[in-house]
Protein backbone atom coordinates (compact mmCIF):
# COMPACT_ATOMS: atom_id res chain seq x y z
CA MET A 1 76.37 104.86 91.58
CA PRO A 2 72.90 104.03 90.17
CA ALA A 3 70.01 106.46 90.50
CA ALA A 4 66.68 105.38 91.94
CA ASP A 5 65.30 104.93 88.44
CA GLY A 6 68.23 102.77 87.40
CA GLY A 7 70.16 105.43 85.52
CA PRO A 8 73.67 106.47 86.45
CA THR A 9 74.22 109.17 89.07
CA VAL A 10 77.44 111.08 89.66
CA ARG A 11 78.15 112.19 93.21
CA ILE A 12 80.29 115.35 93.36
CA ALA A 13 81.62 116.44 96.74
CA SER A 14 83.90 118.97 98.35
CA PHE A 15 85.84 118.32 101.56
CA ASN A 16 88.42 120.43 103.37
CA VAL A 17 90.54 117.64 104.88
CA GLU A 18 92.84 120.05 106.78
CA ASN A 19 95.95 118.10 105.75
CA LEU A 20 96.03 114.34 105.82
CA PHE A 21 99.27 113.34 107.56
CA GLU A 22 101.15 116.54 108.42
CA ARG A 23 100.22 120.17 108.91
CA ALA A 24 102.08 123.28 109.98
CA ARG A 25 102.17 123.32 113.78
CA ALA A 26 101.00 126.94 113.70
CA LEU A 27 97.74 125.76 112.10
CA ASP A 28 96.81 123.56 115.06
CA PRO A 29 93.27 124.75 115.90
CA SER A 30 93.74 123.88 119.57
CA HIS A 31 96.53 126.49 119.81
CA TRP A 32 95.18 129.05 117.35
CA GLU A 33 95.88 132.04 119.60
CA THR A 34 99.57 131.13 119.45
CA GLY A 35 99.56 130.05 115.82
CA ARG A 36 97.79 133.03 114.28
CA PRO A 37 100.54 135.62 115.01
CA VAL A 38 103.14 133.11 113.80
CA LEU A 39 101.42 132.95 110.41
CA GLU A 40 101.31 136.74 110.22
CA ARG A 41 104.99 137.10 111.12
CA GLN A 42 106.09 134.40 108.72
CA ALA A 43 104.21 136.04 105.85
CA ARG A 44 105.60 139.45 106.74
CA VAL A 45 109.24 138.41 107.12
CA ASN A 46 109.19 136.57 103.77
CA ALA A 47 107.75 139.69 102.13
CA VAL A 48 110.60 141.84 103.52
CA LEU A 49 113.23 139.19 102.71
CA GLY A 50 112.10 139.27 99.07
CA ARG A 51 113.10 142.91 98.60
CA PRO A 52 116.02 143.63 96.22
CA GLU A 53 117.79 145.79 98.83
CA TYR A 54 117.48 145.83 102.61
CA SER A 55 117.38 149.28 104.21
CA ASP A 56 118.38 149.79 107.83
CA ASP A 57 114.68 149.78 108.72
CA ASP A 58 114.21 146.53 106.79
CA LYS A 59 117.08 144.90 108.66
CA ALA A 60 115.72 146.02 112.01
CA GLU A 61 112.30 144.64 111.14
CA ILE A 62 113.78 141.32 109.99
CA VAL A 63 115.64 140.97 113.31
CA ASP A 64 112.47 141.73 115.27
CA LEU A 65 110.39 139.27 113.27
CA LEU A 66 112.98 136.49 113.54
CA ASP A 67 113.12 137.05 117.29
CA ALA A 68 109.31 136.87 117.54
CA LEU A 69 109.44 133.60 115.56
CA GLY A 70 111.99 132.10 117.97
CA LEU A 71 114.82 132.25 115.41
CA SER A 72 117.28 134.59 117.15
CA ALA A 73 119.50 131.86 118.57
CA SER A 74 119.07 129.19 115.89
CA ASP A 75 117.73 128.60 112.39
CA ALA A 76 115.26 126.13 113.90
CA GLY A 77 112.48 127.40 116.15
CA PRO A 78 109.45 125.70 117.69
CA LEU A 79 107.05 126.81 114.93
CA ALA A 80 109.28 128.14 112.13
CA VAL A 81 112.59 127.46 110.39
CA LEU A 82 114.98 129.85 108.64
CA ARG A 83 116.28 128.24 105.46
CA GLN A 84 119.63 129.62 104.29
CA ASN A 85 120.25 127.51 101.20
CA ARG A 86 122.96 129.62 99.56
CA GLY A 87 124.81 132.56 101.03
CA HIS A 88 123.97 133.93 104.46
CA LEU A 89 121.30 136.28 105.71
CA LEU A 90 122.74 136.98 109.14
CA THR A 91 125.43 136.56 111.74
CA ARG A 92 124.66 135.58 115.33
CA HIS A 93 127.17 137.14 117.72
CA PRO A 94 128.27 135.56 121.03
CA ASP A 95 126.55 138.34 122.98
CA GLY A 96 123.21 137.29 121.46
CA ARG A 97 123.05 140.15 118.97
CA VAL A 98 121.69 139.24 115.50
CA GLU A 99 123.16 141.19 112.57
CA ILE A 100 121.67 141.10 109.07
CA THR A 101 124.74 140.85 106.84
CA ALA A 102 122.99 140.38 103.50
CA SER A 103 122.38 143.63 101.67
CA GLY A 104 119.44 142.29 99.69
CA ARG A 105 117.79 139.37 97.93
CA ALA A 106 120.71 138.80 95.56
CA ASP A 107 123.14 138.04 98.41
CA TRP A 108 121.48 134.86 99.60
CA VAL A 109 118.85 132.22 98.77
CA GLY A 110 116.41 131.27 101.48
CA TRP A 111 113.17 131.95 103.32
CA VAL A 112 111.28 131.29 106.55
CA GLU A 113 108.98 128.28 106.51
CA LEU A 114 106.66 126.78 109.10
CA THR A 115 107.57 123.58 110.91
CA LYS A 116 105.24 120.63 110.49
CA GLY A 117 103.99 117.98 112.84
CA PRO A 118 101.94 114.78 112.43
CA VAL A 119 98.18 114.90 112.35
CA ASP A 120 96.48 112.77 115.02
CA GLU A 121 96.17 109.20 113.72
CA LEU A 122 92.49 108.96 114.60
CA SER A 123 91.71 112.22 112.81
CA THR A 124 93.25 110.79 109.64
CA ARG A 125 91.17 107.64 110.04
CA HIS A 126 88.04 109.73 110.54
CA THR A 127 88.84 111.62 107.35
CA GLY A 128 88.85 108.27 105.59
CA GLN A 129 85.54 107.34 107.19
CA VAL A 130 83.89 110.53 105.94
CA ILE A 131 85.00 109.73 102.40
CA ARG A 132 83.97 106.08 102.83
CA ASP A 133 80.49 107.05 104.00
CA LEU A 134 79.95 109.63 101.27
CA ALA A 135 81.61 107.57 98.51
CA PRO A 136 81.76 110.45 96.00
CA ASP A 137 82.66 109.67 92.42
CA VAL A 138 84.40 113.04 92.08
CA LEU A 139 85.85 114.58 95.23
CA GLY A 140 87.40 118.04 95.37
CA THR A 141 89.92 118.04 98.22
CA VAL A 142 91.08 121.17 100.05
CA GLU A 143 94.18 121.58 102.25
CA VAL A 144 96.08 118.61 100.85
CA GLU A 145 99.85 118.47 101.30
CA ASP A 146 100.75 117.15 97.84
CA ARG A 147 99.89 114.47 95.30
CA PRO A 148 102.00 111.65 96.84
CA THR A 149 100.24 112.27 100.17
CA LEU A 150 96.76 112.25 98.62
CA LYS A 151 97.59 109.13 96.62
CA GLY A 152 99.08 107.40 99.66
CA PHE A 153 96.07 108.31 101.80
CA SER A 154 93.76 106.83 99.17
CA ARG A 155 95.75 103.60 98.82
CA VAL A 156 96.50 103.02 102.52
CA VAL A 157 93.89 104.68 104.74
CA LEU A 158 90.73 104.15 102.70
CA PRO A 159 91.09 100.34 102.49
CA GLU A 160 91.76 100.31 106.26
CA VAL A 161 88.31 101.81 106.88
CA GLY A 162 86.58 99.55 104.38
CA ALA A 163 86.58 101.76 101.29
CA PRO A 164 88.20 101.14 97.91
CA ALA A 165 91.12 103.31 96.91
CA TYR A 166 90.43 105.94 94.29
CA GLU A 167 91.67 105.27 90.78
CA HIS A 168 93.10 108.75 90.26
CA ALA A 169 94.55 111.37 92.60
CA MET A 170 95.80 114.73 91.35
CA VAL A 171 97.23 117.80 93.06
CA ILE A 172 98.97 120.73 91.39
CA ASP A 173 101.34 122.61 93.69
CA GLY A 174 99.90 126.06 94.40
CA ASN A 175 101.10 129.38 95.78
CA ASP A 176 100.86 128.57 99.49
CA ASP A 177 104.23 127.59 100.98
CA ARG A 178 102.59 125.90 104.00
CA GLY A 179 101.59 122.82 102.00
CA ILE A 180 97.94 123.79 101.63
CA ASP A 181 96.87 122.81 98.12
CA VAL A 182 93.69 121.67 96.38
CA GLY A 183 93.22 118.46 94.44
CA VAL A 184 90.81 115.83 93.20
CA LEU A 185 90.08 112.14 93.72
CA LEU A 186 88.29 110.16 91.01
CA LYS A 187 86.70 106.73 91.19
CA GLU A 188 87.33 103.96 88.71
CA GLY A 189 85.61 104.80 85.43
CA TYR A 190 86.49 108.48 85.67
CA GLU A 191 89.64 110.07 84.32
CA ILE A 192 91.21 113.47 83.81
CA SER A 193 91.46 114.25 80.11
CA ALA A 194 93.00 117.71 80.57
CA MET A 195 93.96 120.09 83.37
CA THR A 196 94.88 123.74 83.57
CA SER A 197 96.55 125.55 86.46
CA HIS A 198 96.00 129.20 87.31
CA VAL A 199 98.79 129.70 89.86
CA ASP A 200 100.31 132.43 87.69
CA ASP A 201 97.11 134.36 86.98
CA VAL A 202 97.57 138.04 87.79
CA ASP A 203 95.53 141.22 87.73
CA ASP A 204 96.55 144.84 88.23
CA ARG A 205 97.25 144.10 91.91
CA GLY A 206 99.45 141.05 91.35
CA ALA A 207 98.98 137.32 91.88
CA ILE A 208 95.32 136.39 92.29
CA PHE A 209 95.09 132.96 93.89
CA SER A 210 96.38 132.16 97.36
CA ARG A 211 96.57 128.51 96.29
CA ASP A 212 95.30 127.74 92.79
CA CYS A 213 92.08 127.35 90.85
CA PRO A 214 92.85 124.24 88.78
CA GLU A 215 90.48 123.23 86.00
CA TYR A 216 90.04 119.48 85.56
CA ALA A 217 88.30 118.17 82.45
CA ILE A 218 86.87 114.84 83.60
CA ARG A 219 85.43 112.03 81.53
CA GLY A 220 83.09 109.50 83.09
CA PRO A 221 80.94 106.51 82.17
CA GLY A 222 78.67 106.78 79.16
CA GLY A 223 80.57 109.73 77.72
CA PHE A 224 79.77 111.99 80.69
CA ARG A 225 81.98 115.08 80.72
CA LEU A 226 82.52 117.44 83.64
CA LEU A 227 84.69 120.52 84.03
CA LEU A 228 85.64 120.80 87.70
CA LEU A 229 87.17 123.93 89.25
CA VAL A 230 88.52 123.41 92.78
CA ASN A 231 89.11 126.40 95.04
CA HIS A 232 90.40 127.49 98.42
CA LEU A 233 89.87 131.23 98.52
CA LYS A 234 91.66 133.68 100.82
CA SER A 235 91.04 132.97 104.47
CA LYS A 236 89.94 135.30 107.25
CA GLY A 237 92.47 133.73 109.57
CA PHE A 238 95.19 136.36 109.77
CA GLY A 239 96.15 139.75 108.42
CA SER A 240 93.89 142.70 107.70
CA GLN A 241 90.23 141.77 107.31
CA GLN A 242 89.83 144.47 104.68
CA ALA A 243 92.79 143.16 102.70
CA ASN A 244 91.56 139.57 103.03
CA ASP A 245 88.08 140.49 101.79
CA ALA A 246 89.55 142.44 98.88
CA ARG A 247 91.71 139.54 97.77
CA ARG A 248 88.88 137.05 98.15
CA ARG A 249 86.75 139.27 95.92
CA ARG A 250 89.53 139.42 93.31
CA GLN A 251 89.63 135.63 93.40
CA ALA A 252 85.86 135.36 93.05
CA VAL A 253 85.99 137.69 90.06
CA ARG A 254 88.63 135.51 88.41
CA VAL A 255 86.79 132.24 89.11
CA ALA A 256 83.66 133.79 87.59
CA GLN A 257 85.68 134.79 84.51
CA LEU A 258 87.05 131.26 84.15
CA TYR A 259 83.56 129.82 84.48
CA GLU A 260 82.10 132.18 81.88
CA ALA A 261 84.98 131.44 79.49
CA ALA A 262 84.36 127.71 79.86
CA ARG A 263 80.66 128.13 79.17
CA ALA A 264 81.40 130.29 76.14
CA ALA A 265 83.74 127.56 74.87
CA GLY A 266 80.88 125.06 74.98
CA GLU A 267 81.27 123.47 78.42
CA ASP A 268 77.74 122.86 79.74
CA HIS A 269 78.56 120.63 82.72
CA VAL A 270 80.67 122.76 85.07
CA ALA A 271 81.04 122.45 88.85
CA VAL A 272 82.91 124.94 91.04
CA VAL A 273 83.68 123.46 94.45
CA GLY A 274 85.78 124.12 97.51
CA ASP A 275 86.28 126.22 100.61
CA PHE A 276 85.45 129.83 99.74
CA ASN A 277 86.09 131.12 103.27
CA ASP A 278 83.02 133.37 103.24
CA SER A 279 79.25 133.17 103.53
CA PRO A 280 76.75 133.38 100.62
CA GLU A 281 75.65 136.94 101.41
CA SER A 282 79.19 138.33 101.49
CA LYS A 283 80.26 141.11 99.13
CA ALA A 284 83.49 139.28 98.42
CA LEU A 285 81.72 136.29 96.83
CA GLU A 286 79.12 138.37 95.01
CA PRO A 287 80.86 138.25 91.58
CA LEU A 288 80.71 134.45 91.66
CA LEU A 289 77.45 133.71 93.48
CA ALA A 290 75.32 136.54 92.10
CA GLY A 291 77.25 137.46 88.97
CA THR A 292 77.00 134.06 87.24
CA ASP A 293 74.26 131.50 86.65
CA LEU A 294 75.96 128.97 88.95
CA ARG A 295 73.59 127.47 91.54
CA ASP A 296 74.49 126.31 95.03
CA ILE A 297 73.43 122.72 95.75
CA THR A 298 71.86 123.97 99.00
CA GLU A 299 69.27 125.83 96.89
CA SER A 300 67.97 122.61 95.35
CA PRO A 301 64.57 121.35 96.59
CA ARG A 302 66.20 117.90 96.67
CA PHE A 303 68.92 119.01 99.06
CA THR A 304 68.56 117.41 102.51
CA ASN A 305 68.51 120.23 105.05
CA ASP A 306 69.47 119.14 108.57
CA GLY A 307 68.52 122.48 110.10
CA ARG A 308 72.07 123.84 110.16
CA PRO A 309 73.03 125.98 107.15
CA GLY A 310 76.75 126.25 107.95
CA THR A 311 79.55 123.87 107.00
CA PHE A 312 82.27 124.99 109.46
CA ARG A 313 82.47 123.89 113.10
CA ASN A 314 79.03 124.31 114.70
CA GLY A 315 77.22 124.85 111.39
CA THR A 316 75.71 128.25 112.14
CA LYS A 317 74.49 130.50 109.34
CA GLY A 318 77.62 132.61 109.12
CA THR A 319 79.80 129.51 108.72
CA LYS A 320 78.49 128.39 105.32
CA ILE A 321 81.90 128.56 103.64
CA ASP A 322 82.11 125.25 101.69
CA TYR A 323 80.37 124.99 98.35
CA VAL A 324 79.29 122.82 95.46
CA LEU A 325 78.18 125.20 92.70
CA LEU A 326 76.60 123.77 89.56
CA SER A 327 75.99 125.09 86.07
CA PRO A 328 72.29 125.19 85.04
CA SER A 329 72.44 121.91 83.10
CA LEU A 330 73.79 120.08 86.17
CA PHE A 331 71.52 121.81 88.66
CA ALA A 332 68.49 120.85 86.57
CA VAL A 333 69.25 117.14 86.98
CA THR A 334 70.21 117.22 90.66
CA SER A 335 68.67 114.28 92.51
CA GLY A 336 70.01 114.95 95.99
CA GLY A 337 72.60 116.61 98.16
CA GLY A 338 73.56 117.24 101.74
CA ILE A 339 76.15 118.11 104.36
CA HIS A 340 77.99 115.27 106.12
CA ARG A 341 78.92 116.26 109.69
CA ARG A 342 79.94 113.01 111.44
CA GLY A 343 83.62 113.88 111.12
CA VAL A 344 83.19 117.29 112.81
CA TRP A 345 83.19 117.86 116.57
CA GLY A 346 80.01 119.85 117.18
CA GLY A 347 79.90 122.17 120.18
CA LYS A 348 82.07 122.20 123.29
CA ASN A 349 81.19 118.63 124.21
CA GLY A 350 80.58 117.23 120.75
CA THR A 351 76.85 116.85 121.34
CA LEU A 352 75.34 118.93 118.54
CA TRP A 353 75.07 115.90 116.25
CA GLU A 354 76.20 112.30 116.04
CA HIS A 355 79.91 111.95 115.37
CA TYR A 356 82.11 108.87 115.04
CA PRO A 357 82.01 107.07 118.40
CA ASP A 358 85.79 106.95 118.93
CA MET A 359 86.18 110.73 118.54
CA ALA A 360 87.15 111.96 122.01
CA GLY A 361 87.59 115.64 121.19
CA PRO A 362 88.11 118.21 118.43
CA HIS A 363 91.74 117.15 117.97
CA GLN A 364 90.50 113.79 116.68
CA ALA A 365 87.94 115.24 114.28
CA ALA A 366 88.38 114.57 110.59
CA SER A 367 88.18 118.32 110.02
CA ASP A 368 86.58 121.53 111.25
CA HIS A 369 84.73 121.45 107.92
CA ALA A 370 81.80 119.24 107.03
CA ALA A 371 81.83 117.65 103.59
CA ILE A 372 79.18 118.87 101.14
CA TRP A 373 77.87 116.85 98.21
CA ALA A 374 75.51 116.76 95.25
CA ASP A 375 74.05 113.86 93.26
CA ILE A 376 73.66 114.45 89.51
CA GLU A 377 71.58 112.22 87.26
CA VAL A 378 73.49 111.72 84.04
């Protein structure tokens, strides 16, 4: 898009789309009190099932967890499914008793996964309208099922709401088995010249990223070059808060390391975007926000402040969890930025700000997250 002075401007945005066509039923925000323990149990049972040998205590715990997930009588439950691809984990007896017959991981191949359901059709349309209204040149997408879904959404939904399809759509499968990945959409004139995945990055405590932190080297008009890192850091949604914070800090440390390595290798134009699942003053994000020279677009004097600092749900201060961070060379030529809330249901009755007129409730919102964007003069 052209800048006010006639020069080219690149709009970079981040948007947590909360899955485009399907999401795990346990992630339905309208039934979160039911879904949250399901996520915890699914994570726990898969951790126990991955052990080389199952002790008697392990087997008892597996039976209890499967029962809590609704999988005692059948491999298919209302919110989860037991996959037994090769070999068998268990025997279900006529009296209703469940017996774990596998002695360990080597005896069978399988896991417990979450069942999926369709996303409300209007919410998908509203997601398209947010992207249409913002029209970013480079869009970091969070909570995307996979590349075919992102590509199909771009080619089908965006033209239906009056927006052109994006030229390029890319998603690298990450570490989350619920189909929650990060990706990127690029307009015509922009292309990915190289990409690097960090799904296998480890530290002394094991795997670092809950999803991935892909690096996309992007080329744009006039020789413009951008290195984009897209993130979805560890959530606060389930499990121990202390453990969640610790992992999110490990992730922030690693993202900071990747950023510093890129700068040392000569990359001046770097943007780190995504859902960081924590506020700017948090200790977990300190290595990234305070330990590098990255600048948040919300700090720019050219950022349009609507009086609400947050990006999640009602936009309160503690809900600033979505970010566009810019290296100094990009921040210096920022010409604008803002938070787009029309796709979010604000407040109990949706009256905190103007939303799309055919949104009748939070279930039809594009997302619980507002999109955040920055304009860069090239």
